[in-house]
Structures are given as structure tokens and as C-alpha cells.
Amino acid sequence: MPQIWMTYDELATLCGCSAAEARMQAQHLSLDRRKSRDGNTRVKLNLALMARFFETIREAEFDLDDAIKALRSAHQQMSGVLAADRSSVRRGVA
């Protein structure tokens, strides 16, 4: 099972509340908390919060799908050009 750990500020952004409210919510939900090496306390998201996190990524990165399609299309076009160039080299054509 993947784990996602967030600071109170990050959790607040996810939940649309203040960092203090996010801290109270983490306590209310009994989320695991740890002090990180950078000095920030992070909480481990439960399944419901992870689902919300993934949904926000899907919504925010909608253009990412279009970018991936464009990259694949460019790759296919370039692969076709390279394949044509290689076949002409094999035939001895410069």
C-alpha cells in the first residue's frame, strides 16, 4: 500500500482549510504523524484523503494527458523518419 505524507500546510491546501484546522482534523482522524528530518511534522493520509489527493492531481493535470499524446505522436513520426533513413542506408543510397 503506497503512503502519502503531507505537512499540515499541504493537508490544509488539500482540504481547503487552515493549517491549524488541518492539524485538528489529523488528530480527529488519528492519522499517523512524524517529525521529518527537515523539522516539519507530516501526517500520513488515510484512504479517503489519498483518493481526494489523486482526484486533485487528475483535475489539475488534465493538460498532461494532451502533452503525453503529443509526445507519443512526435515519437511515432520521428520513428517513421528514422526507419525510412535506415532503410535507404541499407540499400546503399546516400
Protein backbone atom coordinates (compact mmCIF):
# COMPACT_ATOMS: atom_id res chain seq x y z
CA MET A 1 0.00 0.00 0.00
CA PRO A 2 1.51 3.37 -1.00
CA GLN A 3 1.96 6.01 1.64
CA ILE A 4 1.50 9.73 1.16
CA TRP A 5 2.80 12.03 3.85
CA MET A 6 1.94 15.73 3.93
CA THR A 7 2.75 18.70 6.10
CA TYR A 8 -0.12 20.47 7.81
CA ASP A 9 0.14 23.25 5.22
CA GLU A 10 -0.11 20.74 2.36
CA LEU A 11 -3.03 18.98 4.06
CA ALA A 12 -4.71 22.36 4.56
CA THR A 13 -4.41 23.08 0.84
CA LEU A 14 -5.86 19.66 0.03
CA CYS A 15 -8.79 20.13 2.40
CA GLY A 16 -9.36 23.82 1.76
CA CYS A 17 -8.80 24.91 5.35
CA SER A 18 -6.13 26.49 7.54
CA ALA A 19 -3.05 24.63 8.79
CA ALA A 20 -4.47 24.73 12.34
CA GLU A 21 -7.73 23.16 11.15
CA ALA A 22 -5.78 20.54 9.20
CA ARG A 23 -3.85 19.70 12.37
CA MET A 24 -7.10 19.28 14.32
CA GLN A 25 -8.52 17.13 11.51
CA ALA A 26 -5.41 14.93 11.56
CA GLN A 27 -5.81 14.47 15.31
CA HIS A 28 -9.54 13.76 14.95
CA LEU A 29 -8.89 11.14 12.25
CA SER A 30 -6.00 9.66 14.27
CA LEU A 31 -3.64 9.98 11.32
CA ASP A 32 -0.06 8.83 11.86
CA ARG A 33 2.27 11.78 12.45
CA ARG A 34 6.04 12.02 12.25
CA LYS A 35 8.62 14.74 12.57
CA SER A 36 10.66 14.79 9.35
CA ARG A 37 14.37 15.49 9.05
CA ASP A 38 13.57 18.95 7.72
CA GLY A 39 11.83 19.75 11.02
CA ASN A 40 8.27 19.67 9.64
CA THR A 41 5.64 17.36 11.04
CA ARG A 42 3.96 15.25 8.39
CA VAL A 43 0.79 13.19 8.55
CA LYS A 44 0.10 10.02 6.63
CA LEU A 45 -3.05 10.25 4.53
CA ASN A 46 -5.79 7.69 5.02
CA LEU A 47 -7.56 6.09 2.04
CA ALA A 48 -10.21 8.81 1.77
CA LEU A 49 -7.64 11.61 1.79
CA MET A 50 -5.45 9.73 -0.71
CA ALA A 51 -8.45 9.43 -3.02
CA ARG A 52 -9.04 13.19 -2.70
CA PHE A 53 -5.33 13.83 -3.39
CA PHE A 54 -5.34 11.68 -6.54
CA GLU A 55 -8.54 13.36 -7.73
CA THR A 56 -7.00 16.81 -7.38
CA ILE A 57 -3.99 15.63 -9.39
CA ARG A 58 -6.25 14.30 -12.13
CA GLU A 59 -8.15 17.58 -12.27
CA ALA A 60 -5.06 19.78 -12.15
CA GLU A 61 -3.06 17.79 -14.68
CA PHE A 62 -5.75 17.44 -17.35
CA ASP A 63 -3.44 19.05 -19.91
CA LEU A 64 -0.82 16.44 -19.04
CA ASP A 65 -2.83 13.83 -20.96
CA ASP A 66 -2.73 16.03 -24.06
CA ALA A 67 1.01 16.55 -23.64
CA ILE A 68 1.58 12.80 -23.41
CA LYS A 69 -0.46 12.24 -26.59
CA ALA A 70 1.57 14.91 -28.40
CA LEU A 71 4.85 13.32 -27.29
CA ARG A 72 3.71 9.89 -28.46
CA SER A 73 2.65 11.34 -31.80
CA ALA A 74 6.00 13.09 -32.24
CA HIS A 75 7.80 9.87 -31.31
CA GLN A 76 5.85 7.89 -33.90
CA GLN A 77 6.54 10.49 -36.57
CA MET A 78 10.25 10.58 -35.74
CA SER A 79 10.45 6.79 -35.61
CA GLY A 80 8.97 6.66 -39.11
CA VAL A 81 11.57 9.12 -40.41
CA LEU A 82 14.40 7.20 -38.75
CA ALA A 83 13.13 3.90 -40.13
CA ALA A 84 12.99 5.39 -43.65
CA ASP A 85 16.52 6.79 -43.29
CA ARG A 86 17.86 3.45 -42.09
CA SER A 87 16.28 1.54 -44.96
CA SER A 88 17.88 3.90 -47.52
CA VAL A 89 21.29 3.42 -45.86
CA ARG A 90 20.94 -0.34 -46.08
CA ARG A 91 20.30 -0.12 -49.79
CA GLY A 92 23.44 1.91 -50.29
CA VAL A 93 21.56 5.09 -51.09
CA ALA A 94 23.07 8.21 -49.58
